[in-house]
Amino acid sequence: MIFSPIDLKEKAKWVWRETLAVHRRSPETRLASSLSSIEIFVALYYGGVLRFDPASPLAESRDRCIISKGHGSICMYPILADLGFFRMDELQRVCATGGFLGGIPDPIIPGYETVNGSLGHGSGVATGVALGLKRKGSDRSVFVIVGDGELHEGANWEAFMFASQHKLDNLNLVVDDNRISMLGYTDDIVSHGPLPARLGAFGWECEEVDGHDVLAVQAALQRMKARYNHKPKALVARTIKGRGVPGLENAPLCHITNPKPELIDSLLGQQP
C-alpha cells in the first residue's frame, strides 16, 4: 500500500512522536540519531519504495534494507509495529526484560537484516548482498542506510570501490547527512567535503535532497531504484540531528545527550 502525500506527512509526524515516547520509556536508546532519519524510513516503508511482506520478513521476494546506523533507527520500531512485523505492545518493552527490541537492533527483530552494533560495516554487507543477488539473476534491490559519521570508517570506501567495479546498479545507498557524529561536528573531525562529488569520484551516481521533506525523499528514492545504468546509486539526505527537540537539535554532543523527561512530556503535547 502506497500512502498519499498528506498521509505520508502525517505518518512522519506520528513516527516522530512515537520515537520520543519510546525514548521516554527507554532512555538507553539514542534519540538524536533516530530523529534525523525518520523521513527516510517513512518514505522507504510507506512510500511504495521497498518490497516487503510483514508476514514473511525473510521472503526471497523482498528487497533488502540494510540499516547500518542501527543505533539511529529506533524510529523503525513504531514503523515495523505499525506495518505488522510485530505487535504494537512490544513498543512498551523496549530495552526491558522479556522484550526483543533493544537499544541497538539486531536480526532477532522481524524486519532487520543484520547486526547493527559496530558502525561502518553496513555498506560492505549490502555490497555483498547486491553482488549475490546479481549473480543469482534476481531483480530485487538492496538499500543501505548509513550515517555520515560512520563514513569516517575506511571499510565503507572499500565497499564503494568494489560496488562500482562490479557495476552493482541494484545497490542504493542512503546517507543520513546530519553532519554530527558522537564526538562532534563531522567537518571538525574528518571533513567529507561535498559528498556527492566524492561519491561520484568513486563511480557512483548521486543526488542530494532535503532529508526532512518526505515527499522529496520518496521521489528521489523511487527515481534511484528505477535507474539501471551499471552504476551503484546514492542519495545524500541533508538532515538535522535531534530535529524538533530544543537543546538537542544540531547540538555538537546531541548523540550522547538525553533530554529531560519533562521536556519530552511537554513535546508530546505538541506537533514537531
Foldseek 3Di string as FASTA:
>chain_A
DADDLVVLLVVLQVLLLLLLVLCLLPVLAFRQLQNFQSLLVSLCQRHPQWDADLVCLPDPPTAAEAEQQQSNNSSVVVVSCVRNNDPPCLSNAECHPPHQHYNGHAVVRRNHDHRHDDHQCSLVVQLVVLVVCVVVVHLHAYEYEHEPQSVVDCSNLVSLLVCLVQLSLSYEYEYSDQQADQQFGPVVPPDPPPVQVVSVVSFEHEDEDASSSSVRSNVVSNVSNPDRDSHYYYYYHHTWGNPPQPPLTRDRNNRPDDDDSVSSVVSSVDTD
